[in-house]
C-alpha atoms as a PDB file:
ATOM      1  CA  MET A   1      61.930  66.111 100.464  1.00  0.00           C
ATOM      2  CA  SER A   2      60.768  68.528  97.628  1.00  0.00           C
ATOM      3  CA  GLY A   3      61.762  72.176  96.508  1.00  0.00           C
ATOM      4  CA  VAL A   4      65.327  73.443  97.279  1.00  0.00           C
ATOM      5  CA  PHE A   5      65.708  71.472 100.249  1.00  0.00           C
ATOM      6  CA  ARG A   6      65.653  67.830  98.054  1.00  0.00           C
ATOM      7  CA  HIS A   7      69.978  68.505  97.646  1.00  0.00           C
ATOM      8  CA  TRP A   8      72.006  68.007 100.358  1.00  0.00           C
ATOM      9  CA  PRO A   9      74.271  71.286  99.730  1.00  0.00           C
ATOM     10  CA  ASN A  10      71.151  73.533 100.348  1.00  0.00           C
ATOM     11  CA  ARG A  11      70.330  71.574 103.337  1.00  0.00           C
ATOM     12  CA  ILE A  12      73.717  72.350 104.522  1.00  0.00           C
ATOM     13  CA  THR A  13      73.650  75.489 104.000  1.00  0.00           C
ATOM     14  CA  ALA A  14      70.466  76.133 105.746  1.00  0.00           C
ATOM     15  CA  MET A  15      71.815  74.696 108.810  1.00  0.00           C
ATOM     16  CA  ARG A  16      75.045  76.276 108.573  1.00  0.00           C
ATOM     17  CA  PHE A  17      72.522  79.674 108.704  1.00  0.00           C
ATOM     18  CA  VAL A  18      70.603  78.500 111.851  1.00  0.00           C
ATOM     19  CA  GLY A  19      74.214  77.587 113.275  1.00  0.00           C
ATOM     20  CA  SER A  20      75.424  81.138 112.743  1.00  0.00           C
ATOM     21  CA  LEU A  21      72.240  82.269 114.594  1.00  0.00           C
ATOM     22  CA  VAL A  22      72.857  79.779 117.499  1.00  0.00           C
ATOM     23  CA  LEU A  23      76.752  81.229 118.026  1.00  0.00           C
ATOM     24  CA  PHE A  24      75.475  84.837 117.981  1.00  0.00           C
ATOM     25  CA  GLY A  25      73.171  83.640 120.722  1.00  0.00           C
ATOM     26  CA  LEU A  26      76.455  82.260 122.571  1.00  0.00           C
ATOM     27  CA  LEU A  27      78.479  85.546 122.042  1.00  0.00           C
ATOM     28  CA  GLN A  28      75.476  87.863 123.300  1.00  0.00           C
ATOM     29  CA  VAL A  29      75.816  85.852 126.450  1.00  0.00           C
ATOM     30  CA  VAL A  30      79.410  86.796 127.243  1.00  0.00           C
ATOM     31  CA  ALA A  31      79.407  90.221 125.127  1.00  0.00           C
ATOM     32  CA  GLU A  32      79.943  92.190 128.290  1.00  0.00           C
ATOM     33  CA  VAL A  33      81.892  89.983 130.050  1.00  0.00           C
ATOM     34  CA  GLY A  34      85.399  91.611 130.533  1.00  0.00           C
ATOM     35  CA  PRO A  35      88.801  89.708 130.104  1.00  0.00           C
ATOM     36  CA  ASP A  36      89.393  89.485 133.433  1.00  0.00           C
ATOM     37  CA  ASP A  37      86.557  87.310 134.024  1.00  0.00           C
ATOM     38  CA  ILE A  38      85.915  85.547 130.842  1.00  0.00           C
ATOM     39  CA  ALA A  39      87.753  82.546 132.461  1.00  0.00           C
ATOM     40  CA  SER A  40      84.536  81.614 134.627  1.00  0.00           C
ATOM     41  CA  HIS A  41      82.554  81.206 131.475  1.00  0.00           C
ATOM     42  CA  ARG A  42      84.771  78.808 129.754  1.00  0.00           C
ATOM     43  CA  GLY A  43      82.071  76.101 128.820  1.00  0.00           C
ATOM     44  CA  VAL A  44      80.142  78.808 126.803  1.00  0.00           C
ATOM     45  CA  LEU A  45      83.510  79.830 125.070  1.00  0.00           C
ATOM     46  CA  GLN A  46      83.955  75.801 124.260  1.00  0.00           C
ATOM     47  CA  GLY A  47      80.580  75.825 122.968  1.00  0.00           C
ATOM     48  CA  ILE A  48      81.461  79.146 120.517  1.00  0.00           C
ATOM     49  CA  PHE A  49      84.423  77.782 119.545  1.00  0.00           C
ATOM     50  CA  TRP A  50      83.317  74.194 118.169  1.00  0.00           C
ATOM     51  CA  LEU A  51      80.039  75.674 117.003  1.00  0.00           C
ATOM     52  CA  PHE A  52      82.008  78.049 114.764  1.00  0.00           C
ATOM     53  CA  VAL A  53      84.583  75.506 113.700  1.00  0.00           C
ATOM     54  CA  VAL A  54      81.635  73.270 112.539  1.00  0.00           C
ATOM     55  CA  THR A  55      79.687  75.988 110.988  1.00  0.00           C
ATOM     56  CA  ALA A  56      82.613  77.275 108.999  1.00  0.00           C
ATOM     57  CA  ALA A  57      84.081  73.800 107.929  1.00  0.00           C
ATOM     58  CA  THR A  58      80.922  72.842 106.652  1.00  0.00           C
ATOM     59  CA  ASP A  59      81.043  75.432 103.949  1.00  0.00           C
ATOM     60  CA  TYR A  60      83.495  73.025 102.258  1.00  0.00           C
ATOM     61  CA  LEU A  61      81.378  69.875 102.917  1.00  0.00           C
ATOM     62  CA  ASP A  62      78.292  71.575 100.788  1.00  0.00           C
ATOM     63  CA  GLY A  63      80.439  73.067  98.034  1.00  0.00           C
ATOM     64  CA  TYR A  64      82.183  69.484  98.066  1.00  0.00           C
ATOM     65  CA  LEU A  65      78.796  67.502  97.483  1.00  0.00           C
ATOM     66  CA  ALA A  66      77.502  70.251  95.163  1.00  0.00           C
ATOM     67  CA  ARG A  67      80.487  69.518  93.038  1.00  0.00           C
ATOM     68  CA  ARG A  68      80.485  65.973  93.570  1.00  0.00           C
ATOM     69  CA  ASP A  69      76.812  65.685  92.264  1.00  0.00           C
ATOM     70  CA  ALA A  70      76.601  68.754  89.924  1.00  0.00           C
ATOM     71  CA  VAL A  71      73.658  69.932  91.983  1.00  0.00           C
ATOM     72  CA  ILE A  72      73.923  74.006  91.092  1.00  0.00           C
ATOM     73  CA  THR A  73      70.521  75.971  92.403  1.00  0.00           C
ATOM     74  CA  ALA A  74      69.878  79.685  92.311  1.00  0.00           C
ATOM     75  CA  PHE A  75      69.407  79.194  96.063  1.00  0.00           C
ATOM     76  CA  GLY A  76      72.823  77.992  96.673  1.00  0.00           C
ATOM     77  CA  ARG A  77      74.259  80.500  94.661  1.00  0.00           C
ATOM     78  CA  ILE A  78      72.789  82.922  96.496  1.00  0.00           C
ATOM     79  CA  ALA A  79      72.433  81.586 100.091  1.00  0.00           C
ATOM     80  CA  ASP A  80      75.669  79.730 100.713  1.00  0.00           C
ATOM     81  CA  PRO A  81      77.845  83.133 100.134  1.00  0.00           C
ATOM     82  CA  PHE A  82      75.466  85.008 101.873  1.00  0.00           C
ATOM     83  CA  THR A  83      75.527  82.269 105.098  1.00  0.00           C
ATOM     84  CA  ASP A  84      79.119  82.562 104.897  1.00  0.00           C
ATOM     85  CA  LYS A  85      79.185  86.628 105.316  1.00  0.00           C
ATOM     86  CA  VAL A  86      76.752  86.346 108.157  1.00  0.00           C
ATOM     87  CA  LEU A  87      78.881  83.847 109.733  1.00  0.00           C
ATOM     88  CA  ILE A  88      82.300  85.971 109.451  1.00  0.00           C
ATOM     89  CA  LEU A  89      80.964  89.505 109.596  1.00  0.00           C
ATOM     90  CA  GLY A  90      78.505  88.631 112.340  1.00  0.00           C
ATOM     91  CA  THR A  91      81.590  86.982 114.363  1.00  0.00           C
ATOM     92  CA  MET A  92      83.749  89.780 113.790  1.00  0.00           C
ATOM     93  CA  ILE A  93      81.415  92.433 114.771  1.00  0.00           C
ATOM     94  CA  PHE A  94      80.741  90.811 118.121  1.00  0.00           C
ATOM     95  CA  CYS A  95      84.680  90.504 118.575  1.00  0.00           C
ATOM     96  CA  ALA A  96      85.530  94.159 117.722  1.00  0.00           C
ATOM     97  CA  VAL A  97      82.572  95.110 120.307  1.00  0.00           C
ATOM     98  CA  SER A  98      83.114  92.244 123.056  1.00  0.00           C
ATOM     99  CA  PRO A  99      85.572  93.387 126.043  1.00  0.00           C
ATOM    100  CA  TRP A 100      87.419  90.127 126.074  1.00  0.00           C
ATOM    101  CA  THR A 101      88.000  90.034 122.076  1.00  0.00           C
ATOM    102  CA  ARG A 102      88.246  93.418 120.890  1.00  0.00           C
ATOM    103  CA  GLY A 103      91.886  93.586 121.582  1.00  0.00           C
ATOM    104  CA  LEU A 104      92.308  91.378 118.485  1.00  0.00           C
ATOM    105  CA  ILE A 105      89.793  92.266 116.226  1.00  0.00           C
ATOM    106  CA  PRO A 106      89.434  96.338 116.247  1.00  0.00           C
ATOM    107  CA  ALA A 107      86.549  97.833 115.143  1.00  0.00           C
ATOM    108  CA  TRP A 108      88.558  99.909 112.086  1.00  0.00           C
ATOM    109  CA  MET A 109      89.517  96.146 110.892  1.00  0.00           C
ATOM    110  CA  VAL A 110      85.973  95.056 110.626  1.00  0.00           C
ATOM    111  CA  VAL A 111      84.786  97.975 108.952  1.00  0.00           C
ATOM    112  CA  ILE A 112      87.669  97.372 105.976  1.00  0.00           C
ATOM    113  CA  ILE A 113      86.597  93.940 106.007  1.00  0.00           C
ATOM    114  CA  MET A 114      82.816  94.764 105.645  1.00  0.00           C
ATOM    115  CA  ALA A 115      83.707  97.845 102.963  1.00  0.00           C
ATOM    116  CA  ARG A 116      85.485  94.948 101.244  1.00  0.00           C
ATOM    117  CA  GLU A 117      82.734  92.364 100.872  1.00  0.00           C
ATOM    118  CA  PHE A 118      79.901  95.084  99.918  1.00  0.00           C
ATOM    119  CA  LEU A 119      82.408  96.131  97.018  1.00  0.00           C
ATOM    120  CA  VAL A 120      82.683  92.826  95.702  1.00  0.00           C
ATOM    121  CA  THR A 121      79.059  91.716  96.010  1.00  0.00           C
ATOM    122  CA  GLY A 122      78.309  95.031  94.026  1.00  0.00           C
ATOM    123  CA  ILE A 123      80.889  94.515  91.545  1.00  0.00           C
ATOM    124  CA  ARG A 124      79.901  91.040  90.971  1.00  0.00           C
ATOM    125  CA  GLY A 125      76.166  92.263  90.582  1.00  0.00           C
ATOM    126  CA  TYR A 126      76.744  94.650  87.788  1.00  0.00           C
ATOM    127  CA  VAL A 127      79.248  92.294  85.740  1.00  0.00           C
ATOM    128  CA  GLU A 128      76.395  89.628  86.068  1.00  0.00           C
ATOM    129  CA  SER A 129      73.937  92.188  84.807  1.00  0.00           C
ATOM    130  CA  VAL A 130      75.643  92.983  81.765  1.00  0.00           C
ATOM    131  CA  GLY A 131      75.909  89.400  80.846  1.00  0.00           C
ATOM    132  CA  GLY A 132      79.591  88.558  82.465  1.00  0.00           C
ATOM    133  CA  GLN A 133      80.590  85.698  84.674  1.00  0.00           C
ATOM    134  CA  PHE A 134      82.344  86.635  88.035  1.00  0.00           C
ATOM    135  CA  PRO A 135      83.068  83.653  89.650  1.00  0.00           C
ATOM    136  CA  ALA A 136      84.998  83.171  93.092  1.00  0.00           C
ATOM    137  CA  ASP A 137      88.905  82.862  92.808  1.00  0.00           C
ATOM    138  CA  GLY A 138      91.656  81.177  94.343  1.00  0.00           C
ATOM    139  CA  PHE A 139      92.212  84.808  96.161  1.00  0.00           C
ATOM    140  CA  GLY A 140      89.037  84.564  97.648  1.00  0.00           C
ATOM    141  CA  LYS A 141      89.001  81.160  98.745  1.00  0.00           C
ATOM    142  CA  ILE A 142      92.373  82.203 100.721  1.00  0.00           C
ATOM    143  CA  LYS A 143      90.733  85.196 102.302  1.00  0.00           C
ATOM    144  CA  MET A 144      87.600  83.169 103.869  1.00  0.00           C
ATOM    145  CA  ILE A 145      90.292  80.485 105.077  1.00  0.00           C
ATOM    146  CA  ALA A 146      92.609  83.279 106.512  1.00  0.00           C
ATOM    147  CA  GLN A 147      89.199  84.685 108.237  1.00  0.00           C
ATOM    148  CA  CYS A 148      88.073  81.205 109.512  1.00  0.00           C
ATOM    149  CA  LEU A 149      91.852  80.918 111.140  1.00  0.00           C
ATOM    150  CA  ALA A 150      91.804  84.122 112.629  1.00  0.00           C
ATOM    151  CA  VAL A 151      88.262  84.161 114.022  1.00  0.00           C
ATOM    152  CA  GLY A 152      88.679  80.605 115.380  1.00  0.00           C
ATOM    153  CA  GLY A 153      91.975  81.633 117.062  1.00  0.00           C
ATOM    154  CA  VAL A 154      90.556  84.215 119.042  1.00  0.00           C
ATOM    155  CA  PHE A 155      87.823  82.035 120.417  1.00  0.00           C
ATOM    156  CA  TRP A 156      90.392  79.135 120.800  1.00  0.00           C
ATOM    157  CA  LEU A 157      92.815  81.453 123.248  1.00  0.00           C
ATOM    158  CA  ASP A 158      90.288  81.866 126.045  1.00  0.00           C
ATOM    159  CA  ALA A 159      88.101  78.587 125.499  1.00  0.00           C
ATOM    160  CA  PHE A 160      90.991  76.225 127.080  1.00  0.00           C
ATOM    161  CA  PRO A 161      92.959  76.664 130.136  1.00  0.00           C
ATOM    162  CA  TRP A 162      96.553  77.224 128.855  1.00  0.00           C
ATOM    163  CA  PRO A 163      99.969  77.351 130.679  1.00  0.00           C
ATOM    164  CA  GLU A 164     101.013  80.814 130.743  1.00  0.00           C
ATOM    165  CA  ALA A 165     103.692  80.140 128.048  1.00  0.00           C
ATOM    166  CA  TRP A 166     100.980  78.588 125.236  1.00  0.00           C
ATOM    167  CA  LEU A 167      98.916  80.998 126.040  1.00  0.00           C
ATOM    168  CA  SER A 168     101.870  84.192 125.273  1.00  0.00           C
ATOM    169  CA  ALA A 169     102.619  81.976 122.295  1.00  0.00           C
ATOM    170  CA  TRP A 170      99.055  81.243 120.871  1.00  0.00           C
ATOM    171  CA  HIS A 171      98.432  85.012 121.438  1.00  0.00           C
ATOM    172  CA  TRP A 172     101.276  86.217 119.034  1.00  0.00           C
ATOM    173  CA  ILE A 173      99.961  83.482 116.288  1.00  0.00           C
ATOM    174  CA  VAL A 174      96.437  84.897 116.372  1.00  0.00           C
ATOM    175  CA  VAL A 175      97.747  88.282 116.077  1.00  0.00           C
ATOM    176  CA  VAL A 176      99.699  87.082 113.047  1.00  0.00           C
ATOM    177  CA  LEU A 177      96.363  85.435 111.567  1.00  0.00           C
ATOM    178  CA  VAL A 178      94.068  88.566 112.308  1.00  0.00           C
ATOM    179  CA  TRP A 179      96.859  90.472 110.322  1.00  0.00           C
ATOM    180  CA  ILE A 180      97.033  87.978 107.343  1.00  0.00           C
ATOM    181  CA  THR A 181      93.467  87.738 107.174  1.00  0.00           C
ATOM    182  CA  LEU A 182      93.152  91.979 106.710  1.00  0.00           C
ATOM    183  CA  LEU A 183      96.065  91.486 104.220  1.00  0.00           C
ATOM    184  CA  ALA A 184      94.383  88.790 102.216  1.00  0.00           C
ATOM    185  CA  THR A 185      91.078  90.471 102.395  1.00  0.00           C
ATOM    186  CA  ILE A 186      92.277  93.639 100.851  1.00  0.00           C
ATOM    187  CA  GLY A 187      94.429  91.806  98.451  1.00  0.00           C
ATOM    188  CA  SER A 188      91.724  89.703  96.934  1.00  0.00           C
ATOM    189  CA  GLY A 189      89.241  92.836  96.711  1.00  0.00           C
ATOM    190  CA  LEU A 190      91.599  94.168  94.532  1.00  0.00           C
ATOM    191  CA  SER A 191      92.267  91.223  92.595  1.00  0.00           C
ATOM    192  CA  TYR A 192      88.698  91.307  92.013  1.00  0.00           C
ATOM    193  CA  VAL A 193      88.429  95.164  90.970  1.00  0.00           C
ATOM    194  CA  VAL A 194      91.038  94.487  88.281  1.00  0.00           C
ATOM    195  CA  LYS A 195      89.494  91.055  86.987  1.00  0.00           C
ATOM    196  CA  ALA A 196      85.997  92.867  86.977  1.00  0.00           C
ATOM    197  CA  LYS A 197      87.880  95.695  84.940  1.00  0.00           C
ATOM    198  CA  GLY A 198      89.102  93.249  82.112  1.00  0.00           C
ATOM    199  CA  ILE A 199      85.652  91.456  82.162  1.00  0.00           C
ATOM    200  CA  LEU A 200      83.778  94.563  81.718  1.00  0.00           C
ATOM    201  CA  GLU A 201      86.231  95.774  78.599  1.00  0.00           C
ATOM    202  CA  GLU A 202      85.593  92.212  76.876  1.00  0.00           C
ATOM    203  CA  CYS A 203      81.819  92.602  77.153  1.00  0.00           C
ATOM    204  CA  ALA A 204      82.165  96.240  75.493  1.00  0.00           C
ATOM    205  CA  GLN A 205      83.834  94.870  72.511  1.00  0.00           C
END
C-alpha cells in the first residue's frame, strides 16, 4: 500500500474515524429513547459501549506505533487529534440531547468542553504560524483519559443489567468522572494558555 496509509498508525487513525461514524449511527438508533425504555435496547447499548471502548483505546495504539517506528506524518499530526475530537465531542453531543443520557452530561458542560477545544486549536495554529512548537502536554493527555472514562461510564450504566445497589454505586462514580472531566478540561485549557504566552514571549525576543 502506498501513500499515507502505508504506515499502520495512519491506517488505525482512519479506522478510528470510520468507527466513530458507525458509533454515531448506533447512537442515533437510541437517540429518542426515554430512560424508562432504554433497557429494551440493551443489545444496541452494548454495541455502543464496546465500539466506543475500542475506538478510544486504539488512540494509544496508533500513538505507540508512531513513536516506536518513528513515523511522524503531516496526515497523522492533523488526522489523529481531529479524530479524537470527532469521537469525544460527537458522543458528548449525543449524550447531551438523548433523553437517557442528558441527565449525566448536560448541554452546558458540552459547550464548555467544545469551547476549550476550539480555543486550544486556535492557539496551537497561531503559535505554530509564528514559528513556535506547541505539542500536547501531560495535562492534555489526562483530560483525554478523563473524557474517555466519563463517556464510557455513561454507556456502561445502561449497557448491562446491574442489580439496583450496583447501579446506584456506578451512577455516582460516573457523576464524579463527568465532573473530573469538566475540571480537567478547564485546567488543561488554562495550562495551554499559560504555555502559549511563554512560547510567544520567547518568539518575540
